[in-house]
Amino acid sequence: MKGYLLDTNHVAALFQKKPSVMKEVAALPAGTQLRACTVTPGEIAAGHQMTKTTNQARRDSYTAFINKEFLPNALPISTSTGLYYAQIVSSIWRQHPPANPRTKTEVHLVRLGVDINDVWAVAVAMEHGLVFVTEDRMTCIKQAVPGLLTVSWM
């Protein structure tokens, strides 16, 4: 197995040193990739910019953690990532067509409970042959990608 791509919820759990996640990471064989994609730091930064009610020192510490542990090796969105994204979205569309075919894709995905950031992150995981580590259910995405490898360490 090449490794794992962590969703935002698992990156946060690593920062918080959640025991179940720390146990899984400690058990990984040497050389196992533990990565995030560029969407994840963006999600975290957006959350920090939208919310000013939390502890600023803790947010700064979390940002420093992301910048040190994940940003240097974050997997980017590439041209080929876009092809995996297209495969996932078109499969969801075919499996769950909207009542009105003129419905905007983003609106339809939201109505189905699909987080577009999860689609991009899964596309990156597929592109690189990584297991996607998430706490999210992602029902439509999993239906759209038979054989998608996902796990939760929480």
C-alpha atoms as a PDB file:
ATOM      1  CA  MET A   1       0.000   0.000   0.000  1.00  0.00           C
ATOM      2  CA  LYS A   2       1.381   3.392  -1.027  1.00  0.00           C
ATOM      3  CA  GLY A   3      -0.214   5.390   1.719  1.00  0.00           C
ATOM      4  CA  TYR A   4      -3.010   7.632   2.868  1.00  0.00           C
ATOM      5  CA  LEU A   5      -4.529  10.978   1.989  1.00  0.00           C
ATOM      6  CA  LEU A   6      -6.011  12.633   5.057  1.00  0.00           C
ATOM      7  CA  ASP A   7      -9.260  14.557   4.951  1.00  0.00           C
ATOM      8  CA  THR A   8      -9.459  17.768   6.964  1.00  0.00           C
ATOM      9  CA  ASN A   9     -11.163  16.001   9.880  1.00  0.00           C
ATOM     10  CA  HIS A  10      -8.201  13.629  10.279  1.00  0.00           C
ATOM     11  CA  VAL A  11      -5.605  16.385   9.933  1.00  0.00           C
ATOM     12  CA  ALA A  12      -7.436  18.158  12.773  1.00  0.00           C
ATOM     13  CA  ALA A  13      -7.483  14.931  14.783  1.00  0.00           C
ATOM     14  CA  LEU A  14      -3.709  14.585  14.347  1.00  0.00           C
ATOM     15  CA  PHE A  15      -3.209  18.146  15.557  1.00  0.00           C
ATOM     16  CA  GLN A  16      -5.453  17.409  18.543  1.00  0.00           C
ATOM     17  CA  LYS A  17      -3.557  14.161  19.146  1.00  0.00           C
ATOM     18  CA  LYS A  18      -6.739  12.068  19.244  1.00  0.00           C
ATOM     19  CA  PRO A  19      -5.686   8.674  20.643  1.00  0.00           C
ATOM     20  CA  SER A  20      -7.334   6.517  17.959  1.00  0.00           C
ATOM     21  CA  VAL A  21      -5.670   8.492  15.168  1.00  0.00           C
ATOM     22  CA  MET A  22      -2.298   8.625  16.893  1.00  0.00           C
ATOM     23  CA  LYS A  23      -2.451   4.839  17.393  1.00  0.00           C
ATOM     24  CA  GLU A  24      -3.141   4.230  13.679  1.00  0.00           C
ATOM     25  CA  VAL A  25      -0.357   6.567  12.570  1.00  0.00           C
ATOM     26  CA  ALA A  26       2.128   4.983  14.989  1.00  0.00           C
ATOM     27  CA  ALA A  27       1.303   1.529  13.555  1.00  0.00           C
ATOM     28  CA  LEU A  28       2.051   2.523   9.951  1.00  0.00           C
ATOM     29  CA  PRO A  29       5.083   0.852   8.394  1.00  0.00           C
ATOM     30  CA  ALA A  30       8.120   3.053   7.827  1.00  0.00           C
ATOM     31  CA  GLY A  31       7.920   4.894   4.533  1.00  0.00           C
ATOM     32  CA  THR A  32       4.113   4.934   4.361  1.00  0.00           C
ATOM     33  CA  GLN A  33       2.900   8.160   2.799  1.00  0.00           C
ATOM     34  CA  LEU A  34       0.686  10.290   5.023  1.00  0.00           C
ATOM     35  CA  ARG A  35      -0.398  13.213   2.886  1.00  0.00           C
ATOM     36  CA  ALA A  36      -2.972  15.928   2.446  1.00  0.00           C
ATOM     37  CA  CYS A  37      -3.984  17.640  -0.762  1.00  0.00           C
ATOM     38  CA  THR A  38      -3.932  21.373  -1.371  1.00  0.00           C
ATOM     39  CA  VAL A  39      -7.681  21.540  -0.735  1.00  0.00           C
ATOM     40  CA  THR A  40      -7.166  20.721   2.956  1.00  0.00           C
ATOM     41  CA  PRO A  41      -5.006  23.727   3.941  1.00  0.00           C
ATOM     42  CA  GLY A  42      -7.451  25.864   1.957  1.00  0.00           C
ATOM     43  CA  GLU A  43     -10.412  24.501   3.921  1.00  0.00           C
ATOM     44  CA  ILE A  44      -8.603  25.161   7.184  1.00  0.00           C
ATOM     45  CA  ALA A  45      -7.559  28.688   6.194  1.00  0.00           C
ATOM     46  CA  ALA A  46     -11.098  29.476   5.057  1.00  0.00           C
ATOM     47  CA  GLY A  47     -12.451  28.272   8.385  1.00  0.00           C
ATOM     48  CA  HIS A  48     -10.011  30.511  10.220  1.00  0.00           C
ATOM     49  CA  GLN A  49     -10.911  33.504   8.073  1.00  0.00           C
ATOM     50  CA  MET A  50     -14.658  32.971   8.452  1.00  0.00           C
ATOM     51  CA  THR A  51     -14.612  32.379  12.216  1.00  0.00           C
ATOM     52  CA  LYS A  52     -13.137  34.817  14.672  1.00  0.00           C
ATOM     53  CA  THR A  53     -14.705  33.343  17.808  1.00  0.00           C
ATOM     54  CA  THR A  54     -12.058  30.740  18.599  1.00  0.00           C
ATOM     55  CA  ASN A  55      -8.755  30.980  20.417  1.00  0.00           C
ATOM     56  CA  GLN A  56      -6.329  32.880  18.142  1.00  0.00           C
ATOM     57  CA  ALA A  57      -3.230  31.307  19.709  1.00  0.00           C
ATOM     58  CA  ARG A  58      -4.658  27.835  19.090  1.00  0.00           C
ATOM     59  CA  ARG A  59      -5.515  28.730  15.485  1.00  0.00           C
ATOM     60  CA  ASP A  60      -1.985  30.046  14.967  1.00  0.00           C
ATOM     61  CA  SER A  61      -0.578  26.815  16.405  1.00  0.00           C
ATOM     62  CA  TYR A  62      -2.823  24.773  14.086  1.00  0.00           C
ATOM     63  CA  THR A  63      -1.696  26.815  11.075  1.00  0.00           C
ATOM     64  CA  ALA A  64       1.957  26.289  12.038  1.00  0.00           C
ATOM     65  CA  PHE A  65       1.285  22.530  12.334  1.00  0.00           C
ATOM     66  CA  ILE A  66      -0.295  22.438   8.861  1.00  0.00           C
ATOM     67  CA  ASN A  67       2.529  24.512   7.369  1.00  0.00           C
ATOM     68  CA  LYS A  68       5.182  22.224   8.850  1.00  0.00           C
ATOM     69  CA  GLU A  69       3.616  18.781   8.581  1.00  0.00           C
ATOM     70  CA  PHE A  70       1.452  18.917   5.448  1.00  0.00           C
ATOM     71  CA  LEU A  71       1.936  21.994   3.284  1.00  0.00           C
ATOM     72  CA  PRO A  72       5.472  21.148   2.073  1.00  0.00           C
ATOM     73  CA  ASN A  73       4.259  17.803   0.661  1.00  0.00           C
ATOM     74  CA  ALA A  74       0.629  18.635  -0.109  1.00  0.00           C
ATOM     75  CA  LEU A  75      -0.532  16.991  -3.311  1.00  0.00           C
ATOM     76  CA  PRO A  76      -1.717  19.593  -5.830  1.00  0.00           C
ATOM     77  CA  ILE A  77      -4.750  19.619  -8.063  1.00  0.00           C
ATOM     78  CA  SER A  78      -3.414  18.787 -11.529  1.00  0.00           C
ATOM     79  CA  THR A  79      -4.814  18.365 -15.004  1.00  0.00           C
ATOM     80  CA  SER A  80      -5.150  14.630 -14.425  1.00  0.00           C
ATOM     81  CA  THR A  81      -6.872  15.281 -11.075  1.00  0.00           C
ATOM     82  CA  GLY A  82      -9.520  17.077 -13.090  1.00  0.00           C
ATOM     83  CA  LEU A  83     -10.158  13.902 -15.076  1.00  0.00           C
ATOM     84  CA  TYR A  84     -10.780  11.928 -11.874  1.00  0.00           C
ATOM     85  CA  TYR A  85     -13.030  14.752 -10.649  1.00  0.00           C
ATOM     86  CA  ALA A  86     -14.992  14.558 -13.909  1.00  0.00           C
ATOM     87  CA  GLN A  87     -15.353  10.793 -13.537  1.00  0.00           C
ATOM     88  CA  ILE A  88     -16.727  11.133  -9.994  1.00  0.00           C
ATOM     89  CA  VAL A  89     -19.131  14.002 -10.728  1.00  0.00           C
ATOM     90  CA  SER A  90     -20.462  12.464 -13.934  1.00  0.00           C
ATOM     91  CA  SER A  91     -21.021   9.147 -12.188  1.00  0.00           C
ATOM     92  CA  ILE A  92     -22.921  10.863  -9.370  1.00  0.00           C
ATOM     93  CA  TRP A  93     -24.982  12.749 -11.973  1.00  0.00           C
ATOM     94  CA  ARG A  94     -25.853   9.545 -13.836  1.00  0.00           C
ATOM     95  CA  GLN A  95     -26.704   7.626 -10.653  1.00  0.00           C
ATOM     96  CA  HIS A  96     -28.688  10.491  -9.127  1.00  0.00           C
ATOM     97  CA  PRO A  97     -29.991  12.633 -11.995  1.00  0.00           C
ATOM     98  CA  PRO A  98     -31.743  15.860 -11.013  1.00  0.00           C
ATOM     99  CA  ALA A  99     -35.446  16.269 -11.731  1.00  0.00           C
ATOM    100  CA  ASN A 100     -34.558  19.280 -13.878  1.00  0.00           C
ATOM    101  CA  PRO A 101     -31.585  18.586 -16.180  1.00  0.00           C
ATOM    102  CA  ARG A 102     -30.825  22.335 -16.217  1.00  0.00           C
ATOM    103  CA  THR A 103     -29.957  22.238 -12.524  1.00  0.00           C
ATOM    104  CA  LYS A 104     -26.462  23.569 -11.926  1.00  0.00           C
ATOM    105  CA  THR A 105     -24.025  20.833 -10.984  1.00  0.00           C
ATOM    106  CA  GLU A 106     -22.967  22.507  -7.728  1.00  0.00           C
ATOM    107  CA  VAL A 107     -26.579  22.968  -6.638  1.00  0.00           C
ATOM    108  CA  HIS A 108     -27.401  19.353  -7.426  1.00  0.00           C
ATOM    109  CA  LEU A 109     -24.364  18.052  -5.540  1.00  0.00           C
ATOM    110  CA  VAL A 110     -25.232  20.137  -2.479  1.00  0.00           C
ATOM    111  CA  ARG A 111     -28.799  18.839  -2.550  1.00  0.00           C
ATOM    112  CA  LEU A 112     -27.391  15.314  -2.578  1.00  0.00           C
ATOM    113  CA  GLY A 113     -25.179  16.113   0.413  1.00  0.00           C
ATOM    114  CA  VAL A 114     -21.969  15.979  -1.602  1.00  0.00           C
ATOM    115  CA  ASP A 115     -19.157  18.249  -0.390  1.00  0.00           C
ATOM    116  CA  ILE A 116     -17.295  19.442  -3.489  1.00  0.00           C
ATOM    117  CA  ASN A 117     -14.047  19.580  -1.494  1.00  0.00           C
ATOM    118  CA  ASP A 118     -14.436  15.864  -0.788  1.00  0.00           C
ATOM    119  CA  VAL A 119     -14.825  15.219  -4.523  1.00  0.00           C
ATOM    120  CA  TRP A 120     -11.547  17.024  -5.213  1.00  0.00           C
ATOM    121  CA  ALA A 121      -9.743  15.275  -2.345  1.00  0.00           C
ATOM    122  CA  VAL A 122     -10.993  11.851  -3.450  1.00  0.00           C
ATOM    123  CA  ALA A 123      -9.890  12.663  -7.004  1.00  0.00           C
ATOM    124  CA  VAL A 124      -6.375  13.388  -5.679  1.00  0.00           C
ATOM    125  CA  ALA A 125      -6.389  10.145  -3.667  1.00  0.00           C
ATOM    126  CA  MET A 126      -7.449   8.185  -6.765  1.00  0.00           C
ATOM    127  CA  GLU A 127      -4.828   9.874  -8.916  1.00  0.00           C
ATOM    128  CA  HIS A 128      -2.057   8.889  -6.516  1.00  0.00           C
ATOM    129  CA  GLY A 129      -3.381   5.478  -5.491  1.00  0.00           C
ATOM    130  CA  LEU A 130      -3.881   6.518  -1.859  1.00  0.00           C
ATOM    131  CA  VAL A 131      -6.498   5.432   0.658  1.00  0.00           C
ATOM    132  CA  PHE A 132      -8.735   8.381   1.603  1.00  0.00           C
ATOM    133  CA  VAL A 133      -8.929   8.772   5.386  1.00  0.00           C
ATOM    134  CA  THR A 134     -12.112  10.534   6.435  1.00  0.00           C
ATOM    135  CA  GLU A 135     -14.836  10.541   9.028  1.00  0.00           C
ATOM    136  CA  ASP A 136     -17.357  11.739   6.413  1.00  0.00           C
ATOM    137  CA  ARG A 137     -19.936   9.272   5.108  1.00  0.00           C
ATOM    138  CA  MET A 138     -19.610  10.390   1.457  1.00  0.00           C
ATOM    139  CA  THR A 139     -22.398   8.048   0.358  1.00  0.00           C
ATOM    140  CA  CYS A 140     -22.814   9.441  -3.171  1.00  0.00           C
ATOM    141  CA  ILE A 141     -19.073   9.572  -3.777  1.00  0.00           C
ATOM    142  CA  LYS A 142     -18.607   5.987  -2.605  1.00  0.00           C
ATOM    143  CA  GLN A 143     -21.483   4.871  -4.852  1.00  0.00           C
ATOM    144  CA  ALA A 144     -19.920   6.751  -7.759  1.00  0.00           C
ATOM    145  CA  VAL A 145     -16.509   5.126  -7.282  1.00  0.00           C
ATOM    146  CA  PRO A 146     -16.879   1.392  -6.714  1.00  0.00           C
ATOM    147  CA  GLY A 147     -13.801   0.083  -4.992  1.00  0.00           C
ATOM    148  CA  LEU A 148     -12.833   3.468  -3.537  1.00  0.00           C
ATOM    149  CA  LEU A 149     -10.655   2.776  -0.538  1.00  0.00           C
ATOM    150  CA  THR A 150     -11.663   4.846   2.479  1.00  0.00           C
ATOM    151  CA  VAL A 151     -11.066   4.371   6.185  1.00  0.00           C
ATOM    152  CA  SER A 152     -11.750   6.290   9.353  1.00  0.00           C
ATOM    153  CA  TRP A 153      -9.353   6.215  12.249  1.00  0.00           C
ATOM    154  CA  MET A 154     -11.853   7.829  14.608  1.00  0.00           C
END
